[in-house]
């Protein structure tokens, strides 16, 4: 019997550090601050199979953040410049 691969796709979302709130361990950027691939405003993130976080274009390790459908938590993200771009690539199944 042939192996059938599951459907996988990705969605990209862009914001800046300045869109976040909180300090230290509680710094988060709400999903509503991001725009999607088409430039449309985002209301929620899709439920991820996994995600990749880029800060200022650099891929981050998995221990740098956590994500839910409503926000992404980046501990100590408030120490970065407000104009720093944040891209989240969410792989969905």
N, C-alpha and C. Protein backbone atom coordinates (compact mmCIF):
# COMPACT_ATOMS: atom_id res chain seq x y z
N UNK A 1 0.84 -1.16 0.00
CA UNK A 1 0.00 0.00 0.00
C UNK A 1 0.89 1.24 0.00
N UNK A 2 0.64 2.20 -0.89
CA UNK A 2 1.49 3.39 -0.95
C UNK A 2 1.25 4.31 0.24
N UNK A 3 2.28 5.01 0.59
CA UNK A 3 2.21 5.97 1.69
C UNK A 3 1.52 7.24 1.21
N UNK A 4 0.53 7.70 1.92
CA UNK A 4 -0.17 8.94 1.59
C UNK A 4 0.29 10.01 2.57
N UNK A 5 0.90 11.03 2.05
CA UNK A 5 1.39 12.11 2.89
C UNK A 5 0.25 13.04 3.28
N UNK A 6 0.26 13.53 4.52
CA UNK A 6 -0.78 14.48 4.93
C UNK A 6 -0.58 15.82 4.24
N UNK A 7 -1.65 16.53 4.09
CA UNK A 7 -1.59 17.87 3.51
C UNK A 7 -0.88 18.81 4.48
N UNK A 8 0.12 19.53 4.00
CA UNK A 8 0.83 20.52 4.81
C UNK A 8 0.88 21.83 4.03
N UNK A 9 0.69 22.92 4.73
CA UNK A 9 0.79 24.25 4.13
C UNK A 9 1.32 25.19 5.19
N UNK A 10 1.78 26.34 4.77
CA UNK A 10 2.24 27.31 5.76
C UNK A 10 1.59 28.66 5.53
N UNK A 11 1.49 29.40 6.60
CA UNK A 11 0.96 30.75 6.58
C UNK A 11 1.98 31.65 7.26
N UNK A 12 2.21 32.84 6.71
CA UNK A 12 3.18 33.76 7.29
C UNK A 12 2.46 35.00 7.81
N UNK A 13 2.94 35.50 8.95
CA UNK A 13 2.36 36.66 9.61
C UNK A 13 3.48 37.60 10.01
N UNK A 14 3.26 38.91 9.84
CA UNK A 14 4.30 39.91 10.10
C UNK A 14 3.79 41.01 11.02
N UNK A 15 4.64 41.40 11.97
CA UNK A 15 4.37 42.53 12.88
C UNK A 15 5.72 43.11 13.28
N UNK A 16 5.73 44.00 14.25
CA UNK A 16 6.98 44.51 14.80
C UNK A 16 6.95 44.33 16.32
N UNK A 17 8.10 44.39 16.92
CA UNK A 17 8.20 44.28 18.38
C UNK A 17 7.36 45.37 19.05
N UNK A 18 7.29 46.54 18.44
CA UNK A 18 6.51 47.64 18.99
C UNK A 18 5.02 47.34 19.14
N UNK A 19 4.55 46.30 18.46
CA UNK A 19 3.15 45.90 18.57
C UNK A 19 2.87 45.08 19.83
N UNK A 20 3.92 44.72 20.55
CA UNK A 20 3.77 43.88 21.73
C UNK A 20 3.44 44.65 22.98
N UNK A 21 3.04 43.91 24.00
CA UNK A 21 2.73 44.49 25.30
C UNK A 21 3.35 43.63 26.39
N UNK A 22 3.49 44.21 27.56
CA UNK A 22 4.06 43.49 28.69
C UNK A 22 5.57 43.69 28.75
N UNK A 23 6.16 43.13 29.80
CA UNK A 23 7.61 43.22 29.98
C UNK A 23 8.14 41.87 30.44
N UNK A 24 9.42 41.67 30.22
CA UNK A 24 10.08 40.45 30.68
C UNK A 24 9.39 39.19 30.17
N UNK A 25 9.11 38.27 31.09
CA UNK A 25 8.53 36.98 30.74
C UNK A 25 7.11 37.08 30.20
N UNK A 26 6.44 38.21 30.44
CA UNK A 26 5.04 38.35 30.00
C UNK A 26 4.89 39.11 28.69
N UNK A 27 5.98 39.39 27.97
CA UNK A 27 5.88 40.14 26.72
C UNK A 27 5.21 39.29 25.65
N UNK A 28 4.13 39.80 25.09
CA UNK A 28 3.41 39.10 24.03
C UNK A 28 3.04 40.06 22.91
N UNK A 29 2.87 39.49 21.73
CA UNK A 29 2.34 40.24 20.60
C UNK A 29 1.04 39.55 20.22
N UNK A 30 -0.09 40.27 20.29
CA UNK A 30 -1.36 39.65 19.95
C UNK A 30 -1.47 39.34 18.46
N UNK A 31 -2.21 38.29 18.13
CA UNK A 31 -2.41 37.90 16.73
C UNK A 31 -3.02 39.05 15.94
N UNK A 32 -3.85 39.86 16.59
CA UNK A 32 -4.51 40.98 15.91
C UNK A 32 -3.54 42.07 15.46
N UNK A 33 -2.30 42.03 15.93
CA UNK A 33 -1.29 43.02 15.51
C UNK A 33 -0.58 42.61 14.23
N UNK A 34 -0.79 41.38 13.79
CA UNK A 34 -0.10 40.85 12.61
C UNK A 34 -0.93 41.03 11.35
N UNK A 35 -0.23 41.07 10.22
CA UNK A 35 -0.88 40.98 8.92
C UNK A 35 -0.45 39.67 8.29
N UNK A 36 -1.28 39.14 7.39
CA UNK A 36 -0.96 37.85 6.76
C UNK A 36 -0.24 38.06 5.43
N UNK A 37 -0.07 36.98 4.68
CA UNK A 37 0.64 37.01 3.39
C UNK A 37 0.02 37.99 2.39
N UNK A 38 -1.26 38.22 2.52
CA UNK A 38 -1.93 39.11 1.57
C UNK A 38 -1.99 40.55 2.05
N UNK A 39 -1.48 40.80 3.26
CA UNK A 39 -1.53 42.14 3.83
C UNK A 39 -2.80 42.41 4.63
N UNK A 40 -3.64 41.39 4.75
CA UNK A 40 -4.89 41.54 5.51
C UNK A 40 -4.63 41.41 7.01
N UNK A 41 -5.44 42.09 7.78
CA UNK A 41 -5.33 42.00 9.24
C UNK A 41 -5.67 40.59 9.70
N UNK A 42 -4.99 40.16 10.76
CA UNK A 42 -5.19 38.83 11.31
C UNK A 42 -6.06 38.93 12.56
N UNK A 43 -6.99 38.01 12.71
CA UNK A 43 -7.78 37.99 13.94
C UNK A 43 -7.25 36.92 14.89
N UNK A 44 -6.90 35.76 14.36
CA UNK A 44 -6.30 34.69 15.16
C UNK A 44 -5.28 33.94 14.30
N UNK A 45 -4.37 33.27 14.97
CA UNK A 45 -3.44 32.39 14.27
C UNK A 45 -4.12 31.04 14.07
N UNK A 46 -3.77 30.34 12.97
CA UNK A 46 -4.28 28.98 12.84
C UNK A 46 -3.59 28.09 13.88
N UNK A 47 -4.24 26.99 14.23
CA UNK A 47 -3.66 26.04 15.17
C UNK A 47 -2.43 25.42 14.49
N UNK A 48 -1.24 25.63 15.04
CA UNK A 48 -0.04 25.18 14.34
C UNK A 48 0.28 23.70 14.55
N UNK A 49 0.79 23.07 13.48
CA UNK A 49 1.45 21.79 13.62
C UNK A 49 2.82 22.09 14.23
N UNK A 50 3.46 23.11 13.69
CA UNK A 50 4.66 23.71 14.27
C UNK A 50 4.79 25.10 13.67
N UNK A 51 5.66 25.90 14.25
CA UNK A 51 5.86 27.26 13.74
C UNK A 51 7.34 27.61 13.77
N UNK A 52 7.69 28.62 12.98
CA UNK A 52 9.06 29.12 12.93
C UNK A 52 8.98 30.62 13.18
N UNK A 53 9.78 31.10 14.12
CA UNK A 53 9.80 32.51 14.47
C UNK A 53 11.08 33.14 13.91
N UNK A 54 10.90 34.26 13.23
CA UNK A 54 12.03 35.06 12.74
C UNK A 54 11.97 36.41 13.42
N UNK A 55 13.05 36.82 14.03
CA UNK A 55 13.16 38.16 14.60
C UNK A 55 14.26 38.88 13.84
N UNK A 56 13.89 40.00 13.23
CA UNK A 56 14.81 40.77 12.39
C UNK A 56 15.41 39.90 11.28
N UNK A 57 14.61 38.97 10.77
CA UNK A 57 15.04 38.11 9.67
C UNK A 57 15.84 36.89 10.08
N UNK A 58 16.14 36.76 11.36
CA UNK A 58 16.93 35.62 11.84
C UNK A 58 16.02 34.58 12.49
N UNK A 59 16.18 33.33 12.06
CA UNK A 59 15.39 32.24 12.62
C UNK A 59 15.77 32.05 14.08
N UNK A 60 14.77 31.81 14.92
CA UNK A 60 15.00 31.65 16.35
C UNK A 60 14.82 30.19 16.76
N UNK A 61 15.48 29.79 17.82
CA UNK A 61 15.34 28.43 18.32
C UNK A 61 13.99 28.27 19.01
N UNK A 62 13.55 27.04 19.17
CA UNK A 62 12.24 26.76 19.72
C UNK A 62 12.01 27.21 21.14
N UNK A 63 13.09 27.43 21.90
CA UNK A 63 12.93 27.83 23.30
C UNK A 63 12.76 29.34 23.49
N UNK A 64 12.71 30.09 22.39
CA UNK A 64 12.63 31.55 22.47
C UNK A 64 11.19 32.04 22.60
N UNK A 65 10.21 31.21 22.26
CA UNK A 65 8.83 31.68 22.24
C UNK A 65 7.84 30.54 22.44
N UNK A 66 6.59 30.95 22.69
CA UNK A 66 5.46 30.03 22.69
C UNK A 66 4.33 30.72 21.95
N UNK A 67 3.46 29.92 21.35
CA UNK A 67 2.38 30.50 20.55
C UNK A 67 1.05 29.86 20.90
N UNK A 68 0.00 30.66 20.80
CA UNK A 68 -1.37 30.17 20.92
C UNK A 68 -2.12 30.73 19.71
N UNK A 69 -3.39 30.47 19.61
CA UNK A 69 -4.15 31.03 18.49
C UNK A 69 -4.39 32.53 18.65
N UNK A 70 -4.14 33.06 19.85
CA UNK A 70 -4.42 34.49 20.09
C UNK A 70 -3.18 35.37 20.22
N UNK A 71 -2.01 34.78 20.49
CA UNK A 71 -0.80 35.60 20.62
C UNK A 71 0.47 34.76 20.58
N UNK A 72 1.59 35.46 20.49
CA UNK A 72 2.90 34.81 20.60
C UNK A 72 3.63 35.47 21.77
N UNK A 73 4.19 34.66 22.62
CA UNK A 73 4.92 35.13 23.79
C UNK A 73 6.41 35.05 23.48
N UNK A 74 7.11 36.18 23.62
CA UNK A 74 8.55 36.25 23.39
C UNK A 74 9.16 36.86 24.65
N UNK A 75 9.55 36.02 25.63
CA UNK A 75 10.11 36.57 26.87
C UNK A 75 11.27 37.53 26.59
N UNK A 76 11.23 38.67 27.24
CA UNK A 76 12.24 39.74 27.11
C UNK A 76 12.24 40.40 25.73
N UNK A 77 11.20 40.16 24.94
CA UNK A 77 11.09 40.83 23.64
C UNK A 77 11.01 42.33 23.77
N UNK A 78 10.58 42.81 24.94
CA UNK A 78 10.47 44.25 25.18
C UNK A 78 11.84 44.94 25.22
N UNK A 79 12.92 44.17 25.30
CA UNK A 79 14.26 44.76 25.31
C UNK A 79 14.76 45.06 23.90
N UNK A 80 14.03 44.60 22.88
CA UNK A 80 14.41 44.85 21.49
C UNK A 80 13.84 46.18 21.01
N UNK A 81 14.42 46.73 19.97
CA UNK A 81 13.93 47.98 19.37
C UNK A 81 12.52 47.79 18.85
N UNK A 82 11.67 48.79 19.05
CA UNK A 82 10.27 48.71 18.63
C UNK A 82 10.09 48.45 17.14
N UNK A 83 11.03 48.87 16.30
CA UNK A 83 10.90 48.70 14.86
C UNK A 83 11.37 47.33 14.35
N UNK A 84 11.86 46.49 15.24
CA UNK A 84 12.35 45.17 14.84
C UNK A 84 11.22 44.33 14.27
N UNK A 85 11.38 43.83 13.02
CA UNK A 85 10.33 43.01 12.42
C UNK A 85 10.27 41.62 13.03
N UNK A 86 9.04 41.11 13.15
CA UNK A 86 8.78 39.77 13.67
C UNK A 86 7.94 39.04 12.63
N UNK A 87 8.43 37.91 12.16
CA UNK A 87 7.69 37.08 11.21
C UNK A 87 7.45 35.72 11.84
N UNK A 88 6.23 35.25 11.77
CA UNK A 88 5.87 33.94 12.27
C UNK A 88 5.37 33.12 11.08
N UNK A 89 6.01 31.99 10.82
CA UNK A 89 5.56 31.07 9.78
C UNK A 89 4.92 29.88 10.50
N UNK A 90 3.64 29.70 10.27
CA UNK A 90 2.89 28.63 10.93
C UNK A 90 2.58 27.54 9.91
N UNK A 91 3.03 26.34 10.22
CA UNK A 91 2.75 25.19 9.35
C UNK A 91 1.49 24.52 9.86
N UNK A 92 0.54 24.36 8.96
CA UNK A 92 -0.74 23.75 9.31
C UNK A 92 -0.90 22.42 8.61
N UNK A 93 -1.71 21.59 9.17
CA UNK A 93 -1.93 20.25 8.63
C UNK A 93 -3.35 20.11 8.16
